[in-house]
Amino acid sequence: MLLVFEAKTQTYPFPQNVVYKYGYMSQKISYLDVKYEYQTWKERFVKSCGKNEARVFDIRNNKEVSLSEGMGYGLAIVAYMADKDLFDKML
């Protein structure tokens, strides 16, 4: 059985800056803070593995390792940030 997945763009991509009727919007953290942290995370923990692949890594016992949890959380973070190019490389 062959499974085919169709990628779609987000309805509300980052940043939204929307005030929701039943939500909370921080007065201390802006979308610029989130964007900065995302860029920092990418620089520290995402590594290119050739032209069309990337992975999330960590340093354990002085060795660079990739773990399934890092890839899973990384895919979720990248999807929230609407970074389709990196998402496709990590997938």
N, C-alpha and C. Protein backbone atom coordinates (compact mmCIF):
# COMPACT_ATOMS: atom_id res chain seq x y z
N MET A 1 0.85 -1.18 0.00
CA MET A 1 0.00 0.00 0.00
C MET A 1 0.89 1.24 0.00
N LEU A 2 0.67 2.12 -0.92
CA LEU A 2 1.46 3.34 -1.06
C LEU A 2 0.71 4.50 -0.43
N LEU A 3 1.37 5.20 0.49
CA LEU A 3 0.78 6.37 1.12
C LEU A 3 1.34 7.62 0.46
N VAL A 4 0.47 8.55 0.13
CA VAL A 4 0.89 9.80 -0.48
C VAL A 4 0.44 10.94 0.44
N PHE A 5 1.37 11.81 0.76
CA PHE A 5 1.06 12.94 1.62
C PHE A 5 1.11 14.23 0.80
N GLU A 6 0.17 15.08 1.06
CA GLU A 6 0.13 16.35 0.36
C GLU A 6 0.43 17.47 1.36
N ALA A 7 1.44 18.26 1.10
CA ALA A 7 1.81 19.36 1.98
C ALA A 7 0.96 20.58 1.66
N LYS A 8 0.51 21.24 2.70
CA LYS A 8 -0.29 22.45 2.53
C LYS A 8 0.33 23.57 3.35
N THR A 9 0.08 24.78 2.94
CA THR A 9 0.59 25.91 3.69
C THR A 9 -0.31 26.18 4.90
N GLN A 10 0.25 26.86 5.88
CA GLN A 10 -0.51 27.17 7.08
C GLN A 10 -1.57 28.22 6.78
N THR A 11 -2.69 28.10 7.48
CA THR A 11 -3.75 29.10 7.36
C THR A 11 -3.33 30.39 8.06
N TYR A 12 -2.67 30.25 9.21
CA TYR A 12 -2.22 31.39 9.99
C TYR A 12 -0.72 31.25 10.28
N PRO A 13 0.16 31.58 9.34
CA PRO A 13 1.60 31.40 9.57
C PRO A 13 2.14 32.38 10.61
N PHE A 14 3.28 32.02 11.18
CA PHE A 14 3.97 32.86 12.15
C PHE A 14 4.48 34.12 11.47
N PRO A 15 4.45 35.28 12.07
CA PRO A 15 3.79 35.63 13.34
C PRO A 15 2.35 36.08 13.08
N GLN A 16 1.49 35.79 14.01
CA GLN A 16 0.09 36.16 13.83
C GLN A 16 -0.24 37.48 14.51
N ASN A 17 0.24 37.66 15.74
CA ASN A 17 -0.07 38.86 16.53
C ASN A 17 -1.56 39.13 16.56
N VAL A 18 -2.33 38.09 16.81
CA VAL A 18 -3.78 38.19 16.88
C VAL A 18 -4.21 38.14 18.33
N VAL A 19 -5.14 38.99 18.70
CA VAL A 19 -5.71 38.94 20.04
C VAL A 19 -6.93 38.04 19.97
N TYR A 20 -6.84 36.90 20.66
CA TYR A 20 -7.93 35.94 20.66
C TYR A 20 -8.93 36.26 21.77
N LYS A 21 -10.18 35.99 21.51
CA LYS A 21 -11.23 36.29 22.47
C LYS A 21 -10.99 35.58 23.80
N TYR A 22 -10.57 34.33 23.76
CA TYR A 22 -10.36 33.56 24.99
C TYR A 22 -8.91 33.13 25.14
N GLY A 23 -8.00 33.99 24.80
CA GLY A 23 -6.59 33.64 24.88
C GLY A 23 -5.81 34.66 25.69
N TYR A 24 -4.53 34.43 25.79
CA TYR A 24 -3.63 35.31 26.52
C TYR A 24 -2.47 35.68 25.61
N MET A 25 -2.17 36.95 25.56
CA MET A 25 -1.01 37.42 24.80
C MET A 25 -0.05 38.09 25.77
N SER A 26 1.16 37.58 25.81
CA SER A 26 2.16 38.10 26.73
C SER A 26 2.46 39.57 26.43
N GLN A 27 2.63 40.31 27.49
CA GLN A 27 3.03 41.71 27.36
C GLN A 27 4.56 41.84 27.42
N LYS A 28 5.25 40.72 27.72
CA LYS A 28 6.70 40.76 27.89
C LYS A 28 7.45 40.08 26.75
N ILE A 29 6.81 39.14 26.07
CA ILE A 29 7.47 38.40 25.00
C ILE A 29 6.78 38.74 23.68
N SER A 30 7.54 39.21 22.73
CA SER A 30 6.97 39.56 21.43
C SER A 30 7.34 38.50 20.40
N TYR A 31 6.75 38.61 19.24
CA TYR A 31 7.08 37.68 18.17
C TYR A 31 8.56 37.82 17.76
N LEU A 32 9.13 38.99 17.97
CA LEU A 32 10.55 39.18 17.66
C LEU A 32 11.43 38.36 18.60
N ASP A 33 11.02 38.24 19.88
CA ASP A 33 11.75 37.40 20.83
C ASP A 33 11.69 35.94 20.38
N VAL A 34 10.52 35.50 19.97
CA VAL A 34 10.36 34.11 19.52
C VAL A 34 11.19 33.86 18.27
N LYS A 35 11.16 34.82 17.34
CA LYS A 35 11.94 34.69 16.11
C LYS A 35 13.43 34.60 16.41
N TYR A 36 13.91 35.41 17.34
CA TYR A 36 15.32 35.39 17.74
C TYR A 36 15.69 34.03 18.33
N GLU A 37 14.87 33.52 19.23
CA GLU A 37 15.15 32.22 19.86
C GLU A 37 15.13 31.09 18.83
N TYR A 38 14.23 31.18 17.86
CA TYR A 38 14.18 30.17 16.81
C TYR A 38 15.47 30.19 15.98
N GLN A 39 15.92 31.37 15.61
CA GLN A 39 17.17 31.49 14.84
C GLN A 39 18.36 30.96 15.64
N THR A 40 18.38 31.26 16.94
CA THR A 40 19.46 30.78 17.80
C THR A 40 19.44 29.26 17.89
N TRP A 41 18.24 28.68 18.06
CA TRP A 41 18.10 27.22 18.12
C TRP A 41 18.61 26.59 16.82
N LYS A 42 18.21 27.15 15.68
CA LYS A 42 18.66 26.60 14.40
C LYS A 42 20.18 26.65 14.27
N GLU A 43 20.78 27.75 14.67
CA GLU A 43 22.24 27.89 14.58
C GLU A 43 22.96 26.90 15.48
N ARG A 44 22.41 26.63 16.65
CA ARG A 44 23.08 25.77 17.63
C ARG A 44 22.83 24.29 17.43
N PHE A 45 21.62 23.91 16.99
CA PHE A 45 21.23 22.51 17.04
C PHE A 45 20.79 21.88 15.72
N VAL A 46 20.78 22.63 14.63
CA VAL A 46 20.38 22.07 13.35
C VAL A 46 21.59 22.06 12.43
N LYS A 47 21.79 20.92 11.79
CA LYS A 47 22.97 20.76 10.94
C LYS A 47 22.54 20.22 9.58
N SER A 48 23.10 20.78 8.54
CA SER A 48 22.85 20.29 7.19
C SER A 48 23.59 18.98 6.98
N CYS A 49 22.91 18.05 6.32
CA CYS A 49 23.51 16.73 6.02
C CYS A 49 23.49 16.53 4.51
N GLY A 50 24.05 17.43 3.80
CA GLY A 50 24.02 17.35 2.35
C GLY A 50 23.07 18.40 1.80
N LYS A 51 22.79 18.29 0.53
CA LYS A 51 22.02 19.31 -0.17
C LYS A 51 20.56 19.37 0.28
N ASN A 52 19.94 18.22 0.53
CA ASN A 52 18.51 18.19 0.79
C ASN A 52 18.13 17.55 2.12
N GLU A 53 19.05 17.49 3.06
CA GLU A 53 18.75 16.87 4.35
C GLU A 53 19.33 17.70 5.48
N ALA A 54 18.65 17.64 6.62
CA ALA A 54 19.11 18.31 7.83
C ALA A 54 18.70 17.48 9.04
N ARG A 55 19.40 17.71 10.14
CA ARG A 55 19.07 16.97 11.36
C ARG A 55 19.26 17.86 12.57
N VAL A 56 18.60 17.48 13.66
CA VAL A 56 18.77 18.14 14.95
C VAL A 56 19.80 17.31 15.72
N PHE A 57 20.78 17.97 16.32
CA PHE A 57 21.81 17.23 17.04
C PHE A 57 22.02 17.82 18.43
N ASP A 58 22.70 17.06 19.25
CA ASP A 58 23.08 17.49 20.59
C ASP A 58 24.48 16.93 20.85
N ILE A 59 25.13 17.43 21.88
CA ILE A 59 26.45 16.92 22.26
C ILE A 59 26.28 16.08 23.51
N ARG A 60 26.61 14.80 23.42
CA ARG A 60 26.56 13.88 24.56
C ARG A 60 27.90 13.19 24.66
N ASN A 61 28.52 13.24 25.85
CA ASN A 61 29.83 12.61 26.07
C ASN A 61 30.85 13.06 25.01
N ASN A 62 30.84 14.36 24.73
CA ASN A 62 31.75 14.97 23.76
C ASN A 62 31.57 14.45 22.34
N LYS A 63 30.39 13.87 22.05
CA LYS A 63 30.11 13.40 20.70
C LYS A 63 28.81 14.04 20.21
N GLU A 64 28.78 14.31 18.92
CA GLU A 64 27.57 14.85 18.30
C GLU A 64 26.62 13.71 17.98
N VAL A 65 25.41 13.78 18.53
CA VAL A 65 24.43 12.71 18.32
C VAL A 65 23.08 13.31 17.91
N SER A 66 22.33 12.52 17.17
CA SER A 66 20.96 12.88 16.84
C SER A 66 20.04 11.88 17.52
N LEU A 67 18.98 12.38 18.12
CA LEU A 67 18.03 11.53 18.82
C LEU A 67 16.65 11.71 18.21
N SER A 68 15.83 10.68 18.28
CA SER A 68 14.50 10.75 17.70
C SER A 68 13.67 11.87 18.34
N GLU A 69 13.85 12.10 19.65
CA GLU A 69 13.09 13.15 20.32
C GLU A 69 13.45 14.52 19.75
N GLY A 70 14.74 14.72 19.49
CA GLY A 70 15.17 15.99 18.92
C GLY A 70 14.59 16.22 17.55
N MET A 71 14.55 15.17 16.75
CA MET A 71 13.96 15.31 15.41
C MET A 71 12.46 15.55 15.50
N GLY A 72 11.79 14.84 16.40
CA GLY A 72 10.34 15.00 16.55
C GLY A 72 9.97 16.41 17.01
N TYR A 73 10.62 16.86 18.09
CA TYR A 73 10.35 18.21 18.56
C TYR A 73 10.80 19.25 17.53
N GLY A 74 11.91 18.96 16.88
CA GLY A 74 12.41 19.88 15.86
C GLY A 74 11.42 20.05 14.72
N LEU A 75 10.82 18.95 14.27
CA LEU A 75 9.81 19.04 13.20
C LEU A 75 8.62 19.87 13.65
N ALA A 76 8.20 19.71 14.91
CA ALA A 76 7.07 20.50 15.42
C ALA A 76 7.43 21.98 15.48
N ILE A 77 8.61 22.29 15.98
CA ILE A 77 9.06 23.69 16.08
C ILE A 77 9.12 24.33 14.69
N VAL A 78 9.73 23.63 13.76
CA VAL A 78 9.89 24.15 12.40
C VAL A 78 8.53 24.35 11.73
N ALA A 79 7.59 23.44 11.98
CA ALA A 79 6.24 23.59 11.41
C ALA A 79 5.55 24.82 11.99
N TYR A 80 5.65 25.03 13.30
CA TYR A 80 5.04 26.22 13.92
C TYR A 80 5.62 27.50 13.35
N MET A 81 6.90 27.46 13.00
CA MET A 81 7.56 28.66 12.48
C MET A 81 7.40 28.81 10.97
N ALA A 82 6.66 27.89 10.35
CA ALA A 82 6.36 27.95 8.91
C ALA A 82 7.63 27.94 8.05
N ASP A 83 8.62 27.18 8.48
CA ASP A 83 9.88 27.07 7.76
C ASP A 83 9.84 25.79 6.91
N LYS A 84 9.08 25.84 5.82
CA LYS A 84 8.83 24.65 5.01
C LYS A 84 10.10 24.06 4.42
N ASP A 85 11.02 24.89 4.01
CA ASP A 85 12.27 24.39 3.43
C ASP A 85 13.02 23.50 4.42
N LEU A 86 13.17 23.98 5.65
CA LEU A 86 13.86 23.18 6.67
C LEU A 86 13.03 21.96 7.05
N PHE A 87 11.72 22.11 7.14
CA PHE A 87 10.85 20.97 7.46
C PHE A 87 11.06 19.84 6.45
N ASP A 88 11.04 20.18 5.18
CA ASP A 88 11.22 19.17 4.13
C ASP A 88 12.59 18.50 4.24
N LYS A 89 13.61 19.26 4.57
CA LYS A 89 14.95 18.69 4.72
C LYS A 89 15.04 17.76 5.93
N MET A 90 14.34 18.10 7.02
CA MET A 90 14.38 17.26 8.20
C MET A 90 13.51 16.02 8.05
N LEU A 91 12.44 16.14 7.29
CA LEU A 91 11.53 15.01 7.12
C LEU A 91 12.19 13.92 6.31
